[in-house]
Amino acid sequence: MRIYLAESAFGVFALDQDGNLLASSLWPENVSSAVEKIIQLQEGGVVEELVNLVDKFKGQDVTFVLEDDLLARNLRDKMYVKVEIEKPSGVAKKFRMALRDYVNRVRSGLSESEFNELLWEINTQLTRIKIKEEGEKRDKMIVQAVFSLDDIDNTLNLFSTRVREWYSLHFPELDKVVSSHQAFVQIVGELGLRSNFTTEKLKNLQRLPDETVSKIMGEVHKSMGAEISEDDMEILREVANETYRLFELRREVERYISEMMKEVAPNVNGIIGPLLGARLISLAGGINELA
């Protein structure tokens, strides 16, 4: 039997080949403690929660499937279990895209806003730690910043898609008019109910050309979406605003990478630009490896 092990901001999960949840082992509820566990796991550490999860299948003919080579080797050597590497893993990808649904099954009572806030806090702390953890090796800091940028992008895609699907219950036409995730979550966070939309308010928002504003206003009064209460909209606006803040964090990390590239690799920066240069350094593992 093949069991897929997938990590998340909430713990480690065991899944079958169809993505069905078999078992889980959650991190401590304290955010800082959870972040420490996640970092240890990402560095190949066989943490207590992973041990507890694997122990649940003791005595069975099981092969554990992981995406990380180092973690797989360490798990095999420490617990004498069979492992396989599969990257990228379709099962793990499916798990990450439906994380909220999986967490609901093992952590009852966690509201949508609590889930989003916890995910935000953990990802923010991880981003900050990853930027600092390499310390004195400046090129390694670039590598970690690029990894953090990828983490943020994955989280943004998850949150932006959720906001779009949720808000489409009320104003489905907006999803077709506004293609930019950042502009979409800003509109939802700032204006909320479609009855609040005016040409002036939309024009005051960033990233909205006049043509887009006109299209939005043309859809407002003929929308097929359902009416919802201010209370229902309030939590959705909160999620949208948190997502917009994550876009701002992404911009800060991107700016940091640009400044670091000017300092660490000015030649590479000048030839192909800061972000592409940083990604090449990241793929190589460092400026020396790139050379």
Foldseek 3Di string as FASTA:
>chain_A
DEWEWEADLFFIFTADLVLHTDDTFGFPPDLVRSLVVVVCVVVQHCDPSNVVVVVVCPPHQYEYEYQDPSNQVVCCVPVVHHYHHDPPRPSNVVCLLPVVVVCCVVPPPQDPLNVLVSRLVNLVVNLVCLLCVVPPALLSSLLSLLVSLVVLVSVLVSLLVVLLVVCCLAFVVLCVLDVDSLLVLVCLLPQPHLVSDDLVVSVVDPPADSVSSVVSVVRSVVGPHDDDDPVVSVSSSVSSVSSNVSVVVSVVSVVVQQVSCCVPPVPLCVPPHRPVSSVLCNVLVGPVSSD
